[in-house]
């Protein structure tokens, strides 16, 4: 979402910003999700006294990860477009986000300038 918002502030359309953001996040989402699923696969193929519990936990976790992956790839960009459109309609065009560290540095410079002026 942050990457898409940066593209929106730079002047791209909502759809183009969302597509670029989704494209940038596709590989990390897939790599993380599939690595997690690969780690859970042994739970599905275990045998022994606790096998049924492991099967249940593994299947639920793998299913949940696949649902999260689909949401992250397809639904989040659609929600970004929807909510960003509503926000811009209410508050105006998207503006750059001011990070707390940048704001703190600006305040510190102002305070330093005031203390030098008083001396």
N, C-alpha and C. Protein backbone atom coordinates (compact mmCIF):
# COMPACT_ATOMS: atom_id res chain seq x y z
N UNK A 1 0.83 -1.17 0.00
CA UNK A 1 0.00 0.00 0.00
C UNK A 1 0.88 1.25 0.00
N UNK A 2 1.94 1.25 0.76
CA UNK A 2 2.83 2.41 0.82
C UNK A 2 3.43 2.72 -0.55
N UNK A 3 3.88 1.71 -1.25
CA UNK A 3 4.46 1.90 -2.58
C UNK A 3 3.41 2.48 -3.53
N UNK A 4 2.20 1.96 -3.48
CA UNK A 4 1.13 2.46 -4.34
C UNK A 4 0.78 3.89 -3.99
N UNK A 5 0.78 4.23 -2.71
CA UNK A 5 0.50 5.60 -2.29
C UNK A 5 1.58 6.56 -2.77
N UNK A 6 2.83 6.12 -2.74
CA UNK A 6 3.91 6.96 -3.26
C UNK A 6 3.72 7.22 -4.75
N UNK A 7 3.30 6.22 -5.50
CA UNK A 7 3.05 6.40 -6.94
C UNK A 7 1.86 7.33 -7.16
N UNK A 8 0.87 7.24 -6.30
CA UNK A 8 -0.30 8.11 -6.41
C UNK A 8 0.08 9.56 -6.15
N UNK A 9 0.89 9.79 -5.13
CA UNK A 9 1.36 11.15 -4.83
C UNK A 9 2.19 11.69 -5.98
N UNK A 10 2.93 10.81 -6.67
CA UNK A 10 3.76 11.22 -7.81
C UNK A 10 2.92 11.56 -9.04
N UNK A 11 1.60 11.31 -9.00
CA UNK A 11 0.74 11.73 -10.09
C UNK A 11 0.13 10.62 -10.93
N UNK A 12 0.37 9.38 -10.57
CA UNK A 12 -0.22 8.26 -11.32
C UNK A 12 -1.70 8.13 -10.98
N UNK A 13 -2.45 7.49 -11.88
CA UNK A 13 -3.86 7.23 -11.60
C UNK A 13 -3.98 6.19 -10.50
N UNK A 14 -5.15 6.11 -9.90
CA UNK A 14 -5.35 5.15 -8.82
C UNK A 14 -5.10 3.72 -9.29
N UNK A 15 -5.65 3.37 -10.44
CA UNK A 15 -5.49 2.00 -10.94
C UNK A 15 -4.02 1.70 -11.26
N UNK A 16 -3.33 2.63 -11.91
CA UNK A 16 -1.92 2.41 -12.26
C UNK A 16 -1.06 2.29 -11.00
N UNK A 17 -1.35 3.12 -10.00
CA UNK A 17 -0.60 3.06 -8.74
C UNK A 17 -0.84 1.72 -8.04
N UNK A 18 -2.08 1.26 -8.03
CA UNK A 18 -2.40 -0.02 -7.38
C UNK A 18 -1.75 -1.18 -8.12
N UNK A 19 -1.76 -1.15 -9.44
CA UNK A 19 -1.14 -2.23 -10.22
C UNK A 19 0.36 -2.26 -10.00
N UNK A 20 1.00 -1.10 -10.00
CA UNK A 20 2.45 -1.07 -9.75
C UNK A 20 2.78 -1.56 -8.35
N UNK A 21 1.97 -1.17 -7.38
CA UNK A 21 2.18 -1.63 -6.01
C UNK A 21 2.00 -3.13 -5.89
N UNK A 22 0.98 -3.67 -6.55
CA UNK A 22 0.74 -5.12 -6.51
C UNK A 22 1.87 -5.86 -7.22
N UNK A 23 2.33 -5.31 -8.32
CA UNK A 23 3.42 -5.95 -9.06
C UNK A 23 4.70 -5.98 -8.23
N UNK A 24 4.95 -4.90 -7.50
CA UNK A 24 6.16 -4.83 -6.67
C UNK A 24 6.10 -5.80 -5.49
N UNK A 25 4.91 -6.06 -4.98
CA UNK A 25 4.75 -6.93 -3.81
C UNK A 25 4.48 -8.39 -4.17
N UNK A 26 4.27 -8.69 -5.45
CA UNK A 26 3.91 -10.05 -5.84
C UNK A 26 4.98 -11.07 -5.44
N UNK A 27 6.21 -10.84 -5.82
CA UNK A 27 7.26 -11.81 -5.54
C UNK A 27 7.47 -12.01 -4.03
N UNK A 28 7.60 -10.95 -3.23
CA UNK A 28 7.78 -11.19 -1.78
C UNK A 28 6.60 -11.94 -1.15
N UNK A 29 5.38 -11.63 -1.58
CA UNK A 29 4.22 -12.34 -1.03
C UNK A 29 4.28 -13.82 -1.40
N UNK A 30 4.55 -14.10 -2.67
CA UNK A 30 4.62 -15.50 -3.11
C UNK A 30 5.75 -16.25 -2.42
N UNK A 31 6.92 -15.65 -2.33
CA UNK A 31 8.07 -16.33 -1.73
C UNK A 31 7.81 -16.64 -0.25
N UNK A 32 7.28 -15.67 0.47
CA UNK A 32 7.02 -15.87 1.90
C UNK A 32 5.95 -16.94 2.11
N UNK A 33 4.87 -16.83 1.37
CA UNK A 33 3.76 -17.77 1.53
C UNK A 33 4.15 -19.18 1.14
N UNK A 34 4.81 -19.33 0.02
CA UNK A 34 5.18 -20.68 -0.43
C UNK A 34 6.25 -21.31 0.46
N UNK A 35 7.16 -20.50 1.01
CA UNK A 35 8.15 -21.03 1.94
C UNK A 35 7.47 -21.53 3.22
N UNK A 36 6.48 -20.79 3.69
CA UNK A 36 5.74 -21.21 4.87
C UNK A 36 4.99 -22.50 4.60
N UNK A 37 4.34 -22.59 3.43
CA UNK A 37 3.60 -23.79 3.07
C UNK A 37 4.56 -24.99 2.96
N UNK A 38 5.73 -24.76 2.36
CA UNK A 38 6.71 -25.85 2.25
C UNK A 38 7.14 -26.35 3.63
N UNK A 39 7.24 -25.44 4.57
CA UNK A 39 7.60 -25.84 5.94
C UNK A 39 6.50 -26.62 6.64
N UNK A 40 5.26 -26.41 6.21
CA UNK A 40 4.14 -27.12 6.84
C UNK A 40 3.82 -28.47 6.19
N UNK A 41 4.33 -28.71 5.01
CA UNK A 41 4.02 -29.96 4.31
C UNK A 41 4.34 -31.22 5.12
N UNK A 42 5.43 -31.28 5.88
CA UNK A 42 5.67 -32.49 6.68
C UNK A 42 4.53 -32.81 7.66
N UNK A 43 3.79 -31.79 8.10
CA UNK A 43 2.66 -32.06 9.00
C UNK A 43 1.57 -32.87 8.30
N UNK A 44 1.46 -32.72 7.00
CA UNK A 44 0.43 -33.45 6.27
C UNK A 44 0.81 -34.91 6.03
N UNK A 45 2.09 -35.21 6.02
CA UNK A 45 2.55 -36.55 5.66
C UNK A 45 3.10 -37.34 6.84
N UNK A 46 2.89 -36.86 8.04
CA UNK A 46 3.39 -37.55 9.22
C UNK A 46 2.52 -38.77 9.54
N UNK A 47 3.13 -39.74 10.18
CA UNK A 47 2.36 -40.90 10.62
C UNK A 47 2.71 -41.16 12.08
N UNK A 48 1.85 -41.84 12.74
CA UNK A 48 2.11 -42.14 14.15
C UNK A 48 0.91 -41.79 15.00
N UNK A 49 1.10 -41.82 16.32
CA UNK A 49 -0.02 -41.63 17.24
C UNK A 49 -0.66 -40.23 17.15
N UNK A 50 0.12 -39.21 16.89
CA UNK A 50 -0.41 -37.84 16.86
C UNK A 50 -0.65 -37.35 15.43
N UNK A 51 -0.72 -38.27 14.49
CA UNK A 51 -0.82 -37.88 13.08
C UNK A 51 -2.09 -37.10 12.77
N UNK A 52 -3.21 -37.50 13.36
CA UNK A 52 -4.48 -36.83 13.04
C UNK A 52 -4.45 -35.36 13.45
N UNK A 53 -3.89 -35.08 14.61
CA UNK A 53 -3.77 -33.68 15.06
C UNK A 53 -2.85 -32.88 14.17
N UNK A 54 -1.74 -33.50 13.77
CA UNK A 54 -0.81 -32.80 12.88
C UNK A 54 -1.43 -32.54 11.52
N UNK A 55 -2.21 -33.49 11.02
CA UNK A 55 -2.90 -33.30 9.73
C UNK A 55 -3.84 -32.10 9.82
N UNK A 56 -4.60 -32.04 10.91
CA UNK A 56 -5.56 -30.95 11.09
C UNK A 56 -4.87 -29.59 11.14
N UNK A 57 -3.83 -29.51 11.96
CA UNK A 57 -3.11 -28.25 12.09
C UNK A 57 -2.45 -27.86 10.78
N UNK A 58 -1.82 -28.81 10.12
CA UNK A 58 -1.15 -28.52 8.85
C UNK A 58 -2.11 -28.08 7.76
N UNK A 59 -3.23 -28.78 7.64
CA UNK A 59 -4.20 -28.42 6.60
C UNK A 59 -4.81 -27.05 6.87
N UNK A 60 -5.13 -26.76 8.12
CA UNK A 60 -5.71 -25.46 8.45
C UNK A 60 -4.71 -24.33 8.19
N UNK A 61 -3.46 -24.54 8.58
CA UNK A 61 -2.45 -23.49 8.39
C UNK A 61 -2.15 -23.28 6.91
N UNK A 62 -2.08 -24.34 6.14
CA UNK A 62 -1.83 -24.21 4.70
C UNK A 62 -3.01 -23.52 4.02
N UNK A 63 -4.22 -23.91 4.38
CA UNK A 63 -5.40 -23.26 3.82
C UNK A 63 -5.45 -21.78 4.16
N UNK A 64 -5.15 -21.46 5.40
CA UNK A 64 -5.13 -20.07 5.82
C UNK A 64 -4.07 -19.26 5.09
N UNK A 65 -2.92 -19.87 4.86
CA UNK A 65 -1.85 -19.17 4.15
C UNK A 65 -2.25 -18.92 2.70
N UNK A 66 -2.89 -19.89 2.07
CA UNK A 66 -3.34 -19.69 0.69
C UNK A 66 -4.40 -18.59 0.61
N UNK A 67 -5.30 -18.57 1.57
CA UNK A 67 -6.31 -17.50 1.59
C UNK A 67 -5.64 -16.15 1.79
N UNK A 68 -4.69 -16.07 2.71
CA UNK A 68 -3.95 -14.82 2.92
C UNK A 68 -3.17 -14.39 1.69
N UNK A 69 -2.62 -15.36 0.97
CA UNK A 69 -1.88 -15.04 -0.25
C UNK A 69 -2.81 -14.47 -1.31
N UNK A 70 -3.96 -15.07 -1.48
CA UNK A 70 -4.93 -14.56 -2.45
C UNK A 70 -5.40 -13.16 -2.06
N UNK A 71 -5.68 -12.96 -0.78
CA UNK A 71 -6.08 -11.63 -0.32
C UNK A 71 -4.99 -10.61 -0.58
N UNK A 72 -3.77 -10.97 -0.27
CA UNK A 72 -2.65 -10.05 -0.46
C UNK A 72 -2.40 -9.70 -1.91
N UNK A 73 -2.64 -10.62 -2.79
CA UNK A 73 -2.36 -10.38 -4.21
C UNK A 73 -3.52 -9.68 -4.91
N UNK A 74 -4.75 -10.09 -4.65
CA UNK A 74 -5.88 -9.60 -5.42
C UNK A 74 -6.78 -8.61 -4.68
N UNK A 75 -7.08 -8.86 -3.42
CA UNK A 75 -8.07 -8.05 -2.72
C UNK A 75 -7.48 -6.74 -2.19
N UNK A 76 -6.28 -6.76 -1.67
CA UNK A 76 -5.67 -5.55 -1.10
C UNK A 76 -5.56 -4.43 -2.13
N UNK A 77 -5.10 -4.68 -3.37
CA UNK A 77 -5.08 -3.58 -4.34
C UNK A 77 -6.47 -3.01 -4.65
N UNK A 78 -7.48 -3.85 -4.68
CA UNK A 78 -8.85 -3.37 -4.92
C UNK A 78 -9.31 -2.50 -3.75
N UNK A 79 -9.01 -2.93 -2.54
CA UNK A 79 -9.35 -2.13 -1.37
C UNK A 79 -8.59 -0.81 -1.35
N UNK A 80 -7.33 -0.82 -1.80
CA UNK A 80 -6.56 0.41 -1.88
C UNK A 80 -7.24 1.40 -2.81
N UNK A 81 -7.62 0.94 -3.99
CA UNK A 81 -8.28 1.83 -4.96
C UNK A 81 -9.58 2.37 -4.37
N UNK A 82 -10.37 1.51 -3.76
CA UNK A 82 -11.66 1.93 -3.20
C UNK A 82 -11.49 2.97 -2.11
N UNK A 83 -10.67 2.67 -1.11
CA UNK A 83 -10.54 3.58 0.02
C UNK A 83 -9.75 4.84 -0.33
N UNK A 84 -8.78 4.72 -1.21
CA UNK A 84 -8.04 5.91 -1.62
C UNK A 84 -8.95 6.85 -2.42
N UNK A 85 -9.81 6.28 -3.25
CA UNK A 85 -10.77 7.10 -4.00
C UNK A 85 -11.69 7.85 -3.03
N UNK A 86 -12.21 7.13 -2.04
CA UNK A 86 -13.09 7.77 -1.06
C UNK A 86 -12.36 8.86 -0.28
N UNK A 87 -11.13 8.57 0.13
CA UNK A 87 -10.37 9.55 0.89
C UNK A 87 -10.08 10.79 0.05
N UNK A 88 -9.69 10.60 -1.20
CA UNK A 88 -9.40 11.75 -2.05
C UNK A 88 -10.66 12.54 -2.37
N UNK A 89 -11.76 11.87 -2.43
CA UNK A 89 -13.01 12.57 -2.69
C UNK A 89 -13.41 13.44 -1.50
N UNK A 90 -13.08 12.99 -0.30
CA UNK A 90 -13.44 13.74 0.90
C UNK A 90 -12.38 14.80 1.24
N UNK A 91 -11.09 14.41 1.23
CA UNK A 91 -10.04 15.31 1.70
C UNK A 91 -9.23 15.96 0.60
N UNK A 92 -9.45 15.61 -0.65
CA UNK A 92 -8.67 16.19 -1.74
C UNK A 92 -7.58 15.25 -2.21
N UNK A 93 -6.72 15.72 -3.12
CA UNK A 93 -5.68 14.85 -3.71
C UNK A 93 -4.72 14.29 -2.66
N UNK A 94 -4.13 13.16 -3.01
CA UNK A 94 -3.18 12.51 -2.11
C UNK A 94 -1.95 13.40 -1.92
N UNK A 95 -1.46 13.45 -0.70
CA UNK A 95 -0.25 14.21 -0.39
C UNK A 95 0.77 13.28 0.22
N UNK A 96 2.01 13.72 0.19
CA UNK A 96 3.10 12.90 0.74
C UNK A 96 2.90 12.70 2.23
N UNK A 97 3.27 11.52 2.70
CA UNK A 97 3.17 11.20 4.12
C UNK A 97 4.42 11.70 4.81
N UNK A 98 4.24 12.42 5.91
CA UNK A 98 5.37 12.93 6.68
C UNK A 98 5.72 11.88 7.73
N UNK A 99 6.94 11.40 7.67
CA UNK A 99 7.39 10.39 8.65
C UNK A 99 7.68 11.08 9.98
N UNK A 100 7.53 10.35 11.06
CA UNK A 100 7.74 10.91 12.39
C UNK A 100 9.17 11.41 12.57
N UNK A 101 10.14 10.69 12.03
CA UNK A 101 11.54 11.11 12.16
C UNK A 101 11.81 12.43 11.45
N UNK A 102 11.22 12.60 10.26
CA UNK A 102 11.39 13.85 9.53
C UNK A 102 10.74 15.00 10.28
N UNK A 103 9.57 14.77 10.84
CA UNK A 103 8.87 15.80 11.59
C UNK A 103 9.66 16.17 12.84
N UNK A 104 10.23 15.19 13.51
CA UNK A 104 11.02 15.45 14.71
C UNK A 104 12.25 16.28 14.37
N UNK A 105 12.93 15.95 13.27
CA UNK A 105 14.11 16.73 12.86
C UNK A 105 13.74 18.17 12.59
N UNK A 106 12.61 18.39 11.94
CA UNK A 106 12.17 19.75 11.64
C UNK A 106 11.88 20.53 12.92
N UNK A 107 11.22 19.90 13.89
CA UNK A 107 10.92 20.55 15.16
C UNK A 107 12.22 20.85 15.92
N UNK A 108 13.16 19.91 15.89
CA UNK A 108 14.44 20.12 16.58
C UNK A 108 15.19 21.31 15.99
N UNK A 109 15.17 21.43 14.65
CA UNK A 109 15.83 22.57 14.01
C UNK A 109 15.17 23.88 14.42
N UNK A 110 13.85 23.90 14.48
CA UNK A 110 13.15 25.10 14.89
C UNK A 110 13.49 25.46 16.33
N UNK A 111 13.51 24.47 17.21
CA UNK A 111 13.84 24.72 18.62
C UNK A 111 15.29 25.20 18.76
N UNK A 112 16.18 24.63 17.98
CA UNK A 112 17.58 25.04 18.02
C UNK A 112 17.71 26.49 17.57
N UNK A 113 16.99 26.85 16.52
CA UNK A 113 17.00 28.22 16.03
C UNK A 113 16.46 29.19 17.05
N UNK A 114 15.44 28.81 17.80
CA UNK A 114 14.87 29.67 18.84
C UNK A 114 15.84 29.86 19.99
N UNK A 115 16.51 28.75 20.39
CA UNK A 115 17.43 28.85 21.52
C UNK A 115 18.66 29.67 21.14
N UNK A 116 19.10 29.62 19.90
CA UNK A 116 20.24 30.44 19.45
C UNK A 116 19.82 31.90 19.41
N UNK A 117 18.59 32.16 18.98
CA UNK A 117 18.08 33.54 18.91
C UNK A 117 17.95 34.16 20.29
N UNK A 118 17.68 33.38 21.33
CA UNK A 118 17.52 33.90 22.70
C UNK A 118 18.86 34.20 23.35
N UNK A 119 19.91 33.51 22.93
CA UNK A 119 21.22 33.67 23.58
C UNK A 119 21.86 34.97 23.27
